[in-house]
């Protein structure tokens, strides 16, 4: 990561790097990749998607209740630290059952 020493000094935090070929050292990253695969196939050409499509996917992942957060969303817990209003669940997400299946209709995106 470029300028990691400056970032660590400015924020007063440590910066750590995982060893190559050690996915168990980056569990959060691997979990996020698993969530992204529900919407985007591995190796998908992101040029096929608009910024709005990708923003919608990011919002869906950030607005997803997580067991590790006692069923809160990451947005609900993070946004108050930015001094903003509490997170509001995206209206389309309220209608989507959390079954572990893809919750976004990507059929329109696949035709691009």
N, C-alpha and C. Protein backbone atom coordinates (compact mmCIF):
# COMPACT_ATOMS: atom_id res chain seq x y z
N UNK A 1 0.86 -1.17 0.00
CA UNK A 1 0.00 0.00 0.00
C UNK A 1 0.90 1.23 0.00
N UNK A 2 0.71 2.08 -0.97
CA UNK A 2 1.52 3.28 -1.09
C UNK A 2 1.30 4.19 0.12
N UNK A 3 2.37 4.73 0.61
CA UNK A 3 2.34 5.72 1.70
C UNK A 3 1.74 5.17 2.99
N UNK A 4 1.85 3.87 3.23
CA UNK A 4 1.28 3.30 4.45
C UNK A 4 1.97 3.82 5.71
N UNK A 5 3.25 4.15 5.62
CA UNK A 5 3.96 4.66 6.80
C UNK A 5 3.42 6.04 7.18
N UNK A 6 3.16 6.87 6.18
CA UNK A 6 2.60 8.20 6.44
C UNK A 6 1.19 8.09 7.02
N UNK A 7 0.38 7.18 6.47
CA UNK A 7 -0.97 6.96 6.99
C UNK A 7 -0.92 6.51 8.44
N UNK A 8 -0.05 5.56 8.74
CA UNK A 8 0.08 5.06 10.12
C UNK A 8 0.49 6.17 11.07
N UNK A 9 1.43 7.01 10.65
CA UNK A 9 1.90 8.10 11.51
C UNK A 9 0.81 9.15 11.71
N UNK A 10 0.09 9.50 10.63
CA UNK A 10 -0.96 10.52 10.72
C UNK A 10 -2.11 10.08 11.61
N UNK A 11 -2.48 8.80 11.53
CA UNK A 11 -3.62 8.30 12.29
C UNK A 11 -3.22 7.68 13.63
N UNK A 12 -1.93 7.46 13.82
CA UNK A 12 -1.48 6.85 15.07
C UNK A 12 -1.91 5.40 15.21
N UNK A 13 -1.92 4.69 14.09
CA UNK A 13 -2.33 3.28 14.10
C UNK A 13 -1.26 2.43 13.41
N UNK A 14 -1.29 1.15 13.69
CA UNK A 14 -0.40 0.23 13.00
C UNK A 14 -1.00 -0.23 11.69
N UNK A 15 -0.15 -0.49 10.71
CA UNK A 15 -0.58 -1.03 9.43
C UNK A 15 0.09 -2.38 9.27
N UNK A 16 -0.68 -3.40 8.97
CA UNK A 16 -0.18 -4.76 8.87
C UNK A 16 -0.50 -5.32 7.49
N UNK A 17 0.37 -6.18 7.01
CA UNK A 17 0.18 -6.82 5.72
C UNK A 17 0.13 -8.32 5.90
N UNK A 18 -0.71 -8.98 5.14
CA UNK A 18 -0.82 -10.44 5.19
C UNK A 18 0.31 -11.06 4.38
N UNK A 19 0.65 -12.27 4.75
CA UNK A 19 1.64 -13.03 3.99
C UNK A 19 1.01 -13.49 2.68
N UNK A 20 1.82 -13.58 1.62
CA UNK A 20 1.29 -14.08 0.34
C UNK A 20 0.72 -15.49 0.50
N UNK A 21 -0.32 -15.79 -0.26
CA UNK A 21 -0.96 -17.11 -0.27
C UNK A 21 -1.41 -17.57 1.11
N UNK A 22 -1.95 -16.61 1.89
CA UNK A 22 -2.43 -16.90 3.25
C UNK A 22 -3.82 -16.31 3.46
N UNK A 23 -4.85 -16.87 2.79
CA UNK A 23 -6.19 -16.27 2.88
C UNK A 23 -6.75 -16.25 4.29
N UNK A 24 -6.30 -17.15 5.18
CA UNK A 24 -6.80 -17.16 6.56
C UNK A 24 -6.39 -15.91 7.32
N UNK A 25 -5.41 -15.17 6.80
CA UNK A 25 -4.97 -13.94 7.45
C UNK A 25 -5.81 -12.74 7.04
N UNK A 26 -6.67 -12.91 6.08
CA UNK A 26 -7.50 -11.80 5.61
C UNK A 26 -8.97 -12.22 5.50
N UNK A 27 -9.49 -12.67 6.62
CA UNK A 27 -10.85 -13.18 6.66
C UNK A 27 -11.90 -12.18 6.22
N UNK A 28 -11.76 -10.93 6.64
CA UNK A 28 -12.75 -9.92 6.27
C UNK A 28 -12.75 -9.71 4.76
N UNK A 29 -11.57 -9.69 4.15
CA UNK A 29 -11.46 -9.54 2.71
C UNK A 29 -12.10 -10.72 1.99
N UNK A 30 -11.83 -11.93 2.46
CA UNK A 30 -12.40 -13.13 1.84
C UNK A 30 -13.92 -13.14 1.97
N UNK A 31 -14.44 -12.70 3.11
CA UNK A 31 -15.89 -12.64 3.30
C UNK A 31 -16.52 -11.61 2.36
N UNK A 32 -15.87 -10.47 2.22
CA UNK A 32 -16.38 -9.44 1.31
C UNK A 32 -16.39 -9.95 -0.12
N UNK A 33 -15.34 -10.66 -0.51
CA UNK A 33 -15.31 -11.25 -1.86
C UNK A 33 -16.48 -12.22 -2.05
N UNK A 34 -16.78 -13.01 -1.01
CA UNK A 34 -17.90 -13.95 -1.09
C UNK A 34 -19.21 -13.19 -1.31
N UNK A 35 -19.38 -12.07 -0.59
CA UNK A 35 -20.60 -11.28 -0.76
C UNK A 35 -20.67 -10.67 -2.16
N UNK A 36 -19.54 -10.19 -2.66
CA UNK A 36 -19.52 -9.61 -4.00
C UNK A 36 -19.87 -10.64 -5.07
N UNK A 37 -19.47 -11.89 -4.87
CA UNK A 37 -19.75 -12.95 -5.86
C UNK A 37 -21.24 -13.22 -6.00
N UNK A 38 -22.05 -12.77 -5.06
CA UNK A 38 -23.50 -12.91 -5.21
C UNK A 38 -24.02 -11.98 -6.30
N UNK A 39 -23.24 -10.95 -6.60
CA UNK A 39 -23.66 -9.95 -7.59
C UNK A 39 -22.77 -9.93 -8.83
N UNK A 40 -21.51 -10.22 -8.64
CA UNK A 40 -20.54 -10.12 -9.73
C UNK A 40 -19.75 -11.43 -9.84
N UNK A 41 -19.71 -12.00 -11.02
CA UNK A 41 -18.94 -13.22 -11.22
C UNK A 41 -17.45 -12.90 -11.12
N UNK A 42 -16.67 -13.88 -10.68
CA UNK A 42 -15.23 -13.70 -10.60
C UNK A 42 -14.70 -13.35 -11.98
N UNK A 43 -13.89 -12.32 -12.06
CA UNK A 43 -13.34 -11.89 -13.33
C UNK A 43 -14.31 -11.08 -14.18
N UNK A 44 -15.44 -10.67 -13.60
CA UNK A 44 -16.43 -9.89 -14.36
C UNK A 44 -15.81 -8.59 -14.86
N UNK A 45 -16.17 -8.21 -16.06
CA UNK A 45 -15.71 -6.95 -16.63
C UNK A 45 -16.55 -5.83 -16.04
N UNK A 46 -15.97 -5.07 -15.13
CA UNK A 46 -16.72 -4.02 -14.44
C UNK A 46 -17.12 -2.87 -15.37
N UNK A 47 -16.52 -2.82 -16.56
CA UNK A 47 -16.91 -1.78 -17.52
C UNK A 47 -18.34 -1.99 -18.01
N UNK A 48 -18.87 -3.19 -17.82
CA UNK A 48 -20.26 -3.49 -18.24
C UNK A 48 -21.28 -2.85 -17.31
N UNK A 49 -20.85 -2.40 -16.14
CA UNK A 49 -21.76 -1.87 -15.13
C UNK A 49 -21.60 -0.37 -15.02
N UNK A 50 -22.70 0.30 -14.77
CA UNK A 50 -22.64 1.74 -14.55
C UNK A 50 -22.18 2.01 -13.11
N UNK A 51 -21.80 3.23 -12.84
CA UNK A 51 -21.45 3.61 -11.47
C UNK A 51 -22.65 3.40 -10.56
N UNK A 52 -23.85 3.66 -11.06
CA UNK A 52 -25.06 3.46 -10.26
C UNK A 52 -25.27 1.98 -9.93
N UNK A 53 -24.98 1.09 -10.88
CA UNK A 53 -25.08 -0.35 -10.62
C UNK A 53 -24.14 -0.75 -9.49
N UNK A 54 -22.90 -0.31 -9.57
CA UNK A 54 -21.90 -0.67 -8.55
C UNK A 54 -22.23 -0.02 -7.21
N UNK A 55 -22.74 1.21 -7.24
CA UNK A 55 -23.17 1.86 -5.99
C UNK A 55 -24.31 1.09 -5.34
N UNK A 56 -25.23 0.57 -6.16
CA UNK A 56 -26.36 -0.20 -5.64
C UNK A 56 -25.87 -1.49 -4.98
N UNK A 57 -24.90 -2.16 -5.62
CA UNK A 57 -24.34 -3.37 -5.03
C UNK A 57 -23.65 -3.04 -3.71
N UNK A 58 -22.85 -1.97 -3.69
CA UNK A 58 -22.16 -1.58 -2.45
C UNK A 58 -23.17 -1.26 -1.36
N UNK A 59 -24.24 -0.56 -1.71
CA UNK A 59 -25.25 -0.22 -0.72
C UNK A 59 -25.92 -1.49 -0.17
N UNK A 60 -26.21 -2.43 -1.05
CA UNK A 60 -26.86 -3.67 -0.61
C UNK A 60 -25.95 -4.43 0.37
N UNK A 61 -24.67 -4.47 0.10
CA UNK A 61 -23.75 -5.16 1.00
C UNK A 61 -23.63 -4.41 2.32
N UNK A 62 -23.53 -3.09 2.28
CA UNK A 62 -23.38 -2.30 3.50
C UNK A 62 -24.66 -2.22 4.32
N UNK A 63 -25.80 -2.44 3.67
CA UNK A 63 -27.09 -2.38 4.38
C UNK A 63 -27.59 -3.76 4.78
N UNK A 64 -26.75 -4.76 4.64
CA UNK A 64 -27.11 -6.14 4.96
C UNK A 64 -26.88 -6.41 6.44
N UNK A 65 -27.89 -6.88 7.17
CA UNK A 65 -27.68 -7.21 8.58
C UNK A 65 -26.65 -8.32 8.72
N UNK A 66 -25.79 -8.19 9.74
CA UNK A 66 -24.73 -9.19 9.93
C UNK A 66 -24.78 -9.75 11.34
N UNK A 67 -24.66 -11.06 11.41
CA UNK A 67 -24.70 -11.73 12.71
C UNK A 67 -23.59 -11.21 13.62
N UNK A 68 -22.38 -11.01 13.07
CA UNK A 68 -21.25 -10.56 13.88
C UNK A 68 -21.50 -9.16 14.48
N UNK A 69 -22.41 -8.41 13.90
CA UNK A 69 -22.76 -7.08 14.40
C UNK A 69 -24.08 -7.11 15.17
N UNK A 70 -24.44 -8.28 15.67
CA UNK A 70 -25.70 -8.47 16.40
C UNK A 70 -26.89 -8.04 15.54
N UNK A 71 -26.83 -8.39 14.27
CA UNK A 71 -27.85 -8.16 13.26
C UNK A 71 -28.06 -6.69 12.93
N UNK A 72 -27.10 -5.85 13.27
CA UNK A 72 -27.10 -4.47 12.77
C UNK A 72 -26.42 -4.49 11.41
N UNK A 73 -26.54 -3.41 10.68
CA UNK A 73 -25.83 -3.30 9.40
C UNK A 73 -24.54 -2.53 9.65
N UNK A 74 -23.58 -2.72 8.77
CA UNK A 74 -22.33 -1.97 8.91
C UNK A 74 -22.60 -0.47 8.77
N UNK A 75 -23.53 -0.10 7.91
CA UNK A 75 -23.87 1.32 7.74
C UNK A 75 -24.46 1.90 9.03
N UNK A 76 -25.33 1.14 9.70
CA UNK A 76 -25.93 1.63 10.94
C UNK A 76 -24.88 1.91 12.01
N UNK A 77 -23.83 1.13 12.03
CA UNK A 77 -22.80 1.30 13.05
C UNK A 77 -21.71 2.28 12.64
N UNK A 78 -21.48 2.43 11.35
CA UNK A 78 -20.40 3.29 10.88
C UNK A 78 -20.81 4.74 10.70
N UNK A 79 -21.97 4.99 10.09
CA UNK A 79 -22.37 6.36 9.77
C UNK A 79 -22.44 7.31 10.96
N UNK A 80 -22.90 6.88 12.13
CA UNK A 80 -22.90 7.81 13.27
C UNK A 80 -21.50 8.33 13.63
N UNK A 81 -20.47 7.57 13.33
CA UNK A 81 -19.10 8.01 13.61
C UNK A 81 -18.66 9.12 12.67
N UNK A 82 -19.36 9.29 11.58
CA UNK A 82 -19.05 10.36 10.63
C UNK A 82 -19.81 11.63 10.95
N UNK A 83 -20.64 11.57 12.00
CA UNK A 83 -21.41 12.75 12.39
C UNK A 83 -22.67 12.95 11.58
N UNK A 84 -23.01 11.97 10.77
CA UNK A 84 -24.21 12.08 9.94
C UNK A 84 -25.41 11.48 10.63
N UNK A 85 -26.53 11.51 9.97
CA UNK A 85 -27.75 10.92 10.54
C UNK A 85 -27.63 9.40 10.55
N UNK A 86 -28.43 8.74 11.36
CA UNK A 86 -28.43 7.27 11.36
C UNK A 86 -28.76 6.73 9.98
N UNK A 87 -28.27 5.55 9.70
CA UNK A 87 -28.50 4.92 8.40
C UNK A 87 -29.97 4.58 8.23
N UNK A 88 -30.42 4.68 7.00
CA UNK A 88 -31.79 4.30 6.65
C UNK A 88 -31.69 3.14 5.68
N UNK A 89 -32.50 2.12 5.91
CA UNK A 89 -32.50 0.96 5.02
C UNK A 89 -33.04 1.37 3.66
N UNK A 90 -32.35 0.98 2.62
CA UNK A 90 -32.75 1.26 1.25
C UNK A 90 -34.13 0.65 1.01
N UNK A 91 -35.08 1.40 0.44
CA UNK A 91 -36.45 0.89 0.28
C UNK A 91 -36.51 -0.45 -0.45
N UNK A 92 -35.69 -0.67 -1.47
CA UNK A 92 -35.75 -1.94 -2.21
C UNK A 92 -35.26 -3.09 -1.36
N UNK A 93 -34.38 -2.84 -0.39
CA UNK A 93 -33.86 -3.92 0.44
C UNK A 93 -34.92 -4.46 1.38
N UNK A 94 -35.86 -3.63 1.78
CA UNK A 94 -36.89 -4.08 2.71
C UNK A 94 -37.75 -5.17 2.08
N UNK A 95 -37.78 -5.23 0.76
CA UNK A 95 -38.63 -6.20 0.07
C UNK A 95 -37.88 -7.48 -0.28
N UNK A 96 -36.57 -7.53 0.00
CA UNK A 96 -35.76 -8.66 -0.42
C UNK A 96 -35.52 -9.60 0.75
N UNK A 97 -35.92 -10.87 0.65
CA UNK A 97 -35.65 -11.81 1.73
C UNK A 97 -34.16 -12.11 1.80
N UNK A 98 -33.64 -12.27 2.99
CA UNK A 98 -32.23 -12.57 3.19
C UNK A 98 -32.05 -14.08 3.22
N UNK A 99 -31.94 -14.70 2.07
CA UNK A 99 -31.85 -16.16 1.99
C UNK A 99 -30.48 -16.64 1.60
N UNK A 100 -29.54 -15.73 1.38
CA UNK A 100 -28.23 -16.12 0.91
C UNK A 100 -28.17 -16.24 -0.60
N UNK A 101 -29.30 -16.09 -1.26
CA UNK A 101 -29.35 -16.12 -2.71
C UNK A 101 -29.16 -14.70 -3.23
N UNK A 102 -28.75 -14.54 -4.47
CA UNK A 102 -28.61 -13.19 -5.02
C UNK A 102 -29.91 -12.42 -4.84
N UNK A 103 -29.81 -11.24 -4.27
CA UNK A 103 -31.01 -10.47 -3.98
C UNK A 103 -31.22 -9.34 -4.98
N UNK A 104 -30.38 -9.27 -5.98
CA UNK A 104 -30.51 -8.22 -6.97
C UNK A 104 -30.77 -8.86 -8.32
N UNK A 105 -31.73 -8.34 -9.04
CA UNK A 105 -32.01 -8.86 -10.37
C UNK A 105 -30.96 -8.32 -11.32
N UNK A 106 -30.00 -9.16 -11.66
CA UNK A 106 -28.92 -8.73 -12.53
C UNK A 106 -29.20 -9.06 -13.99
N UNK A 107 -30.38 -9.53 -14.29
CA UNK A 107 -30.67 -9.92 -15.67
C UNK A 107 -30.50 -8.74 -16.61
N UNK A 108 -30.89 -7.56 -16.19
CA UNK A 108 -30.72 -6.38 -17.05
C UNK A 108 -29.25 -6.05 -17.19
N UNK A 109 -28.47 -6.25 -16.13
CA UNK A 109 -27.05 -5.95 -16.19
C UNK A 109 -26.31 -6.96 -17.08
N UNK A 110 -26.76 -8.20 -17.08
CA UNK A 110 -26.11 -9.24 -17.87
C UNK A 110 -26.24 -8.97 -19.38
N UNK A 111 -27.23 -8.20 -19.77
CA UNK A 111 -27.46 -7.97 -21.20
C UNK A 111 -26.58 -6.86 -21.75
N UNK A 112 -25.80 -6.21 -20.87
CA UNK A 112 -24.96 -5.11 -21.35
C UNK A 112 -23.75 -5.63 -22.07
